[in-house]
Amino acid sequence: MTKLTLLEISDQISETVYDFYTDRIDPEWLTTDSILDQACSDLPSKDLRYLIPKVILVDRYYKANLIRFFPKPNDDELDCRFEYYKSIAQELKELGLDGRIEDICRKAPRLCACNLGLVVKLCNDVCDAIKKTTKKSCPVFASKLLHFSAPDQFPIIDDNAEKKLKDVLNQLDDHANETIGEVRAKVDKEVLLDRWHENDPDHFLEHWEKEKDGSKLLGILEEECPEYYRELVDQWLADKYGTFARDIFCLQQAIYLSGGPMYSFRELDKYLYPSR
């Protein structure tokens, strides 16, 4: 397999994005994205009058197809499965989506190491809320709903995007892997420190006093509490959306550090799109 530099990957992304926004690609997608941007970012989620349409638009336009999880009526029966959208919206309303997204954006205007943990937690909470009605977690729908609410914070995940991203990362040359590895190490450190503080603040602060700048804090934890350290690492690595969001963020940042553009998650999604 030919190894690629980050700038060669950047050229591929640029070509895909150019194709998408020219006549080579069906312009219907531009209309769809515009509608979802306006609905999800402008309409409040605290009111079911607006939240139900958001759920329906994301589900139908981006083919998350949540109603497939409910029994399909016979040909001579009325299809009442759209009533489930109200149940899903009611569960989502309890999450306080607008306030939590605002908190994430206040920490940083775009996804970064300091707010990745909050981004992943909110996406997982949306999955859990959907599961109460559908019995399925539906990370694809959850990430799309959140992405169109805050495009710079939430990358879109689906199985094909995951596969394409893994293929890209496996094609990179040694220098690219080194750059991404450095970014990933910083991200993982921030996430693990945040999870440790959230799960056991007293224990965290006790160790923080020993090493206040944080550069060796995880090393201290690994040495003194190896089982707990391993538990934190395993939980993070097992998080489906967390792993994807971290890896696409690392690719985004590594390209920029190598002299390429700062691609948006919308643009990176279009790059991952052709494999779907």
Protein backbone atom coordinates (compact mmCIF):
# COMPACT_ATOMS: atom_id res chain seq x y z
CA MET A 1 0.00 0.00 0.00
CA THR A 2 1.31 3.44 -0.96
CA LYS A 3 1.95 5.62 2.06
CA LEU A 4 0.55 9.15 1.90
CA THR A 5 1.58 12.41 3.50
CA LEU A 6 -0.89 14.61 5.34
CA LEU A 7 -0.75 17.15 2.52
CA GLU A 8 -1.62 14.45 0.00
CA ILE A 9 -4.66 13.56 2.12
CA SER A 10 -5.42 17.28 2.25
CA ASP A 11 -5.40 17.40 -1.56
CA GLN A 12 -7.88 14.52 -1.65
CA ILE A 13 -10.18 16.34 0.78
CA SER A 14 -9.97 19.57 -1.23
CA GLU A 15 -10.85 17.75 -4.44
CA THR A 16 -13.83 16.04 -2.82
CA VAL A 17 -15.12 19.28 -1.33
CA TYR A 18 -14.71 21.06 -4.66
CA ASP A 19 -16.68 18.32 -6.41
CA PHE A 20 -19.39 18.50 -3.79
CA TYR A 21 -19.94 22.23 -4.14
CA THR A 22 -19.94 22.26 -7.94
CA ASP A 23 -22.29 20.85 -10.53
CA ARG A 24 -20.65 17.44 -10.34
CA ILE A 25 -22.69 16.69 -7.22
CA ASP A 26 -26.49 16.72 -6.84
CA PRO A 27 -27.29 20.24 -5.50
CA GLU A 28 -30.17 18.78 -3.46
CA TRP A 29 -27.65 18.13 -0.67
CA LEU A 30 -26.90 21.84 -0.40
CA THR A 31 -30.59 22.54 0.14
CA THR A 32 -30.90 19.74 2.68
CA ASP A 33 -27.91 20.92 4.71
CA SER A 34 -29.20 24.49 4.67
CA ILE A 35 -32.61 23.44 5.99
CA LEU A 36 -31.10 21.31 8.75
CA ASP A 37 -28.65 24.05 9.72
CA GLN A 38 -31.46 26.52 10.18
CA ALA A 39 -33.84 24.14 11.95
CA CYS A 40 -31.32 22.67 14.38
CA SER A 41 -29.35 25.80 15.25
CA ASP A 42 -32.14 28.42 15.26
CA LEU A 43 -35.11 26.58 16.78
CA PRO A 44 -35.05 25.90 20.55
CA SER A 45 -34.97 22.29 21.73
CA LYS A 46 -36.79 23.04 24.98
CA ASP A 47 -40.12 23.24 23.13
CA LEU A 48 -41.61 20.10 21.58
CA ARG A 49 -43.20 22.26 18.84
CA TYR A 50 -39.69 22.74 17.48
CA LEU A 51 -37.90 19.66 18.73
CA ILE A 52 -40.27 17.19 17.04
CA PRO A 53 -39.72 18.76 13.58
CA LYS A 54 -35.95 18.69 14.20
CA VAL A 55 -36.09 14.97 14.94
CA ILE A 56 -38.21 14.29 11.85
CA LEU A 57 -36.06 16.41 9.52
CA VAL A 58 -32.76 14.84 10.59
CA ASP A 59 -34.23 11.35 10.51
CA ARG A 60 -35.88 11.66 7.10
CA TYR A 61 -33.40 13.92 5.27
CA TYR A 62 -30.31 12.06 6.42
CA LYS A 63 -31.96 8.65 6.36
CA ALA A 64 -31.24 7.66 9.95
CA ASN A 65 -34.65 5.96 9.63
CA LEU A 66 -35.53 5.63 13.32
CA ILE A 67 -39.05 4.38 12.60
CA ARG A 68 -37.62 1.19 11.11
CA PHE A 69 -37.30 -0.02 14.70
CA PHE A 70 -41.09 -0.05 15.10
CA PRO A 71 -43.59 -2.54 13.63
CA LYS A 72 -44.58 -1.63 10.11
CA PRO A 73 -48.37 -1.56 9.56
CA ASN A 74 -50.15 -3.75 7.05
CA ASP A 75 -50.94 -2.28 3.64
CA ASP A 76 -54.54 -1.54 4.64
CA GLU A 77 -53.59 0.12 7.94
CA LEU A 78 -52.66 3.73 8.73
CA ASP A 79 -48.94 4.19 9.39
CA CYS A 80 -48.88 5.68 12.89
CA ARG A 81 -45.18 5.19 13.47
CA PHE A 82 -44.60 8.94 13.22
CA GLU A 83 -46.12 9.15 16.72
CA TYR A 84 -42.85 7.68 17.95
CA TYR A 85 -41.06 10.86 16.94
CA LYS A 86 -42.97 12.64 19.70
CA SER A 87 -41.83 10.03 22.24
CA ILE A 88 -38.22 10.41 21.11
CA ALA A 89 -38.45 14.20 21.28
CA GLN A 90 -39.91 14.04 24.79
CA GLU A 91 -36.89 12.05 25.98
CA LEU A 92 -34.47 14.43 24.25
CA LYS A 93 -36.21 17.44 25.81
CA GLU A 94 -35.20 16.22 29.26
CA LEU A 95 -31.51 16.49 28.34
CA GLY A 96 -31.53 20.30 28.10
CA LEU A 97 -29.74 20.16 24.76
CA ASP A 98 -29.51 23.90 24.15
CA GLY A 99 -27.91 24.69 27.50
CA ARG A 100 -25.41 21.85 27.28
CA ILE A 101 -24.38 22.79 23.75
CA GLU A 102 -23.90 26.39 24.91
CA ASP A 103 -21.68 25.16 27.76
CA ILE A 104 -19.56 23.19 25.30
CA CYS A 105 -19.20 26.17 22.97
CA ARG A 106 -18.26 28.44 25.87
CA LYS A 107 -15.31 26.18 26.70
CA ALA A 108 -14.04 26.49 23.12
CA PRO A 109 -15.54 27.71 19.83
CA ARG A 110 -14.69 24.42 18.11
CA LEU A 111 -13.94 20.85 19.16
CA CYS A 112 -10.67 20.56 21.05
CA ALA A 113 -9.08 18.52 23.81
CA CYS A 114 -10.69 20.58 26.58
CA ASN A 115 -14.29 19.97 25.47
CA LEU A 116 -14.07 16.60 23.71
CA GLY A 117 -15.21 14.79 26.85
CA LEU A 118 -18.35 16.95 27.07
CA VAL A 119 -19.06 16.48 23.35
CA VAL A 120 -18.81 12.70 23.64
CA LYS A 121 -20.91 12.58 26.80
CA LEU A 122 -23.71 14.61 25.22
CA CYS A 123 -23.77 12.41 22.12
CA ASN A 124 -23.89 9.30 24.31
CA ASP A 125 -26.67 10.83 26.42
CA VAL A 126 -28.68 11.49 23.26
CA CYS A 127 -28.13 7.85 22.28
CA ASP A 128 -29.39 6.70 25.68
CA ALA A 129 -32.46 8.95 25.41
CA ILE A 130 -33.32 7.54 21.97
CA LYS A 131 -32.82 4.00 23.25
CA LYS A 132 -35.63 4.46 25.77
CA THR A 133 -38.10 4.59 22.87
CA THR A 134 -36.42 2.63 20.07
CA LYS A 135 -34.46 0.09 22.17
CA LYS A 136 -31.49 1.06 19.96
CA SER A 137 -28.87 3.70 20.75
CA CYS A 138 -28.65 5.16 17.18
CA PRO A 139 -25.31 7.06 17.33
CA VAL A 140 -25.72 7.97 13.64
CA PHE A 141 -28.89 9.94 14.32
CA ALA A 142 -27.51 11.40 17.56
CA SER A 143 -24.35 12.71 15.91
CA LYS A 144 -26.32 14.20 12.99
CA LEU A 145 -28.79 16.00 15.25
CA LEU A 146 -25.93 17.46 17.29
CA HIS A 147 -23.78 18.25 14.27
CA PHE A 148 -26.44 20.44 12.71
CA SER A 149 -26.90 22.14 16.08
CA ALA A 150 -23.16 22.86 16.45
CA PRO A 151 -21.23 21.90 13.29
CA ASP A 152 -17.76 22.76 14.63
CA GLN A 153 -18.20 20.63 17.75
CA PHE A 154 -19.84 17.37 16.66
CA PRO A 155 -18.50 15.25 13.77
CA ILE A 156 -20.98 12.92 12.05
CA ILE A 157 -20.43 9.20 12.56
CA ASP A 158 -21.70 6.19 10.65
CA ASP A 159 -20.21 2.76 9.88
CA ASN A 160 -18.88 3.76 6.49
CA ALA A 161 -17.34 6.96 7.82
CA GLU A 162 -15.59 4.96 10.54
CA LYS A 163 -14.22 2.52 7.97
CA LYS A 164 -13.06 5.26 5.62
CA LEU A 165 -11.34 7.12 8.45
CA LYS A 166 -9.53 3.97 9.57
CA ASP A 167 -8.43 3.33 5.98
CA VAL A 168 -7.07 6.87 5.72
CA LEU A 169 -5.15 6.60 8.99
CA ASN A 170 -3.68 3.27 7.89
CA GLN A 171 -2.38 4.86 4.66
CA LEU A 172 -0.36 7.61 6.34
CA ASP A 173 3.43 7.76 6.25
CA ASP A 174 5.65 7.75 9.34
CA HIS A 175 5.81 11.52 9.71
CA ALA A 176 2.03 11.81 9.49
CA ASN A 177 1.57 9.07 12.08
CA GLU A 178 4.02 10.81 14.37
CA THR A 179 2.15 14.11 14.08
CA ILE A 180 -1.22 12.50 14.71
CA GLY A 181 0.24 10.49 17.59
CA GLU A 182 1.40 13.67 19.31
CA VAL A 183 -2.05 15.25 18.97
CA ARG A 184 -3.78 12.06 20.12
CA ALA A 185 -1.59 11.80 23.23
CA LYS A 186 -2.55 15.34 24.31
CA VAL A 187 -6.23 14.68 23.68
CA ASP A 188 -6.25 11.39 25.58
CA LYS A 189 -4.48 13.00 28.52
CA GLU A 190 -7.09 15.79 28.78
CA VAL A 191 -10.01 13.36 28.48
CA LEU A 192 -8.64 10.96 31.08
CA LEU A 193 -7.89 13.77 33.53
CA ASP A 194 -11.42 15.13 33.06
CA ARG A 195 -12.97 11.70 33.61
CA TRP A 196 -10.86 11.11 36.71
CA HIS A 197 -11.90 14.48 38.12
CA GLU A 198 -15.56 13.86 37.30
CA ASN A 199 -15.64 10.33 38.74
CA ASP A 200 -13.59 10.95 41.88
CA PRO A 201 -12.84 14.66 42.49
CA ASP A 202 -11.39 14.17 45.99
CA HIS A 203 -8.94 11.54 44.76
CA PHE A 204 -8.02 13.73 41.79
CA LEU A 205 -7.38 16.82 43.91
CA GLU A 206 -5.30 14.81 46.36
CA HIS A 207 -2.95 13.82 43.53
CA TRP A 208 -3.15 17.23 41.89
CA GLU A 209 -1.43 18.70 44.93
CA LYS A 210 1.54 16.42 44.24
CA GLU A 211 2.00 17.54 40.65
CA LYS A 212 0.04 20.69 39.89
CA ASP A 213 0.96 21.30 36.27
CA GLY A 214 -0.55 17.95 35.27
CA SER A 215 2.29 16.80 33.02
CA LYS A 216 2.97 13.70 35.13
CA LEU A 217 -0.38 13.35 36.84
CA LEU A 218 -1.54 10.32 34.85
CA GLY A 219 1.83 8.67 35.42
CA ILE A 220 1.37 9.09 39.16
CA LEU A 221 -2.13 7.58 38.91
CA GLU A 222 -0.88 4.66 36.83
CA GLU A 223 1.87 3.94 39.36
CA GLU A 224 -0.22 4.31 42.53
CA CYS A 225 -3.60 3.01 41.27
CA PRO A 226 -2.91 0.81 38.22
CA GLU A 227 -6.31 -0.89 38.20
CA TYR A 228 -8.23 2.37 38.30
CA TYR A 229 -5.96 3.87 35.64
CA ARG A 230 -6.57 0.86 33.38
CA GLU A 231 -10.31 1.16 33.97
CA LEU A 232 -10.28 4.82 32.85
CA VAL A 233 -8.26 3.97 29.73
CA ASP A 234 -10.44 0.98 28.81
CA GLN A 235 -13.65 2.99 29.20
CA TRP A 236 -12.32 5.71 26.93
CA LEU A 237 -11.00 3.35 24.24
CA ALA A 238 -14.28 1.42 24.23
CA ASP A 239 -16.35 4.54 23.53
CA LYS A 240 -17.49 4.27 19.91
CA TYR A 241 -18.29 7.93 19.32
CA GLY A 242 -15.39 9.08 21.49
CA THR A 243 -12.85 7.13 19.44
CA PHE A 244 -14.26 8.40 16.15
CA ALA A 245 -14.49 12.03 17.31
CA ARG A 246 -10.94 11.91 18.66
CA ASP A 247 -9.49 10.39 15.49
CA ILE A 248 -11.20 12.79 13.08
CA PHE A 249 -10.17 15.70 15.30
CA CYS A 250 -6.56 14.45 15.27
CA LEU A 251 -6.62 14.20 11.46
CA GLN A 252 -8.08 17.71 11.22
CA GLN A 253 -5.41 19.17 13.51
CA ALA A 254 -2.51 17.21 12.02
CA ILE A 255 -3.32 18.45 8.50
CA TYR A 256 -3.42 22.02 9.80
CA LEU A 257 -0.11 21.60 11.67
CA SER A 258 1.45 20.31 8.45
CA GLY A 259 0.50 23.46 6.54
CA GLY A 260 -2.89 22.42 5.16
CA PRO A 261 -6.27 24.12 5.68
CA MET A 262 -8.31 23.81 8.86
CA TYR A 263 -11.04 21.65 7.34
CA SER A 264 -14.45 21.82 8.98
CA PHE A 265 -16.20 18.66 10.12
CA ARG A 266 -18.75 19.31 7.37
CA GLU A 267 -15.95 19.20 4.79
CA LEU A 268 -14.38 16.12 6.34
CA ASP A 269 -17.78 14.44 6.31
CA LYS A 270 -18.05 15.08 2.55
CA TYR A 271 -14.61 13.47 2.17
CA LEU A 272 -15.78 10.38 4.04
CA TYR A 273 -19.11 10.40 2.15
CA PRO A 274 -18.12 8.67 -1.14
CA SER A 275 -17.65 5.33 0.65
CA ARG A 276 -21.29 5.31 1.78
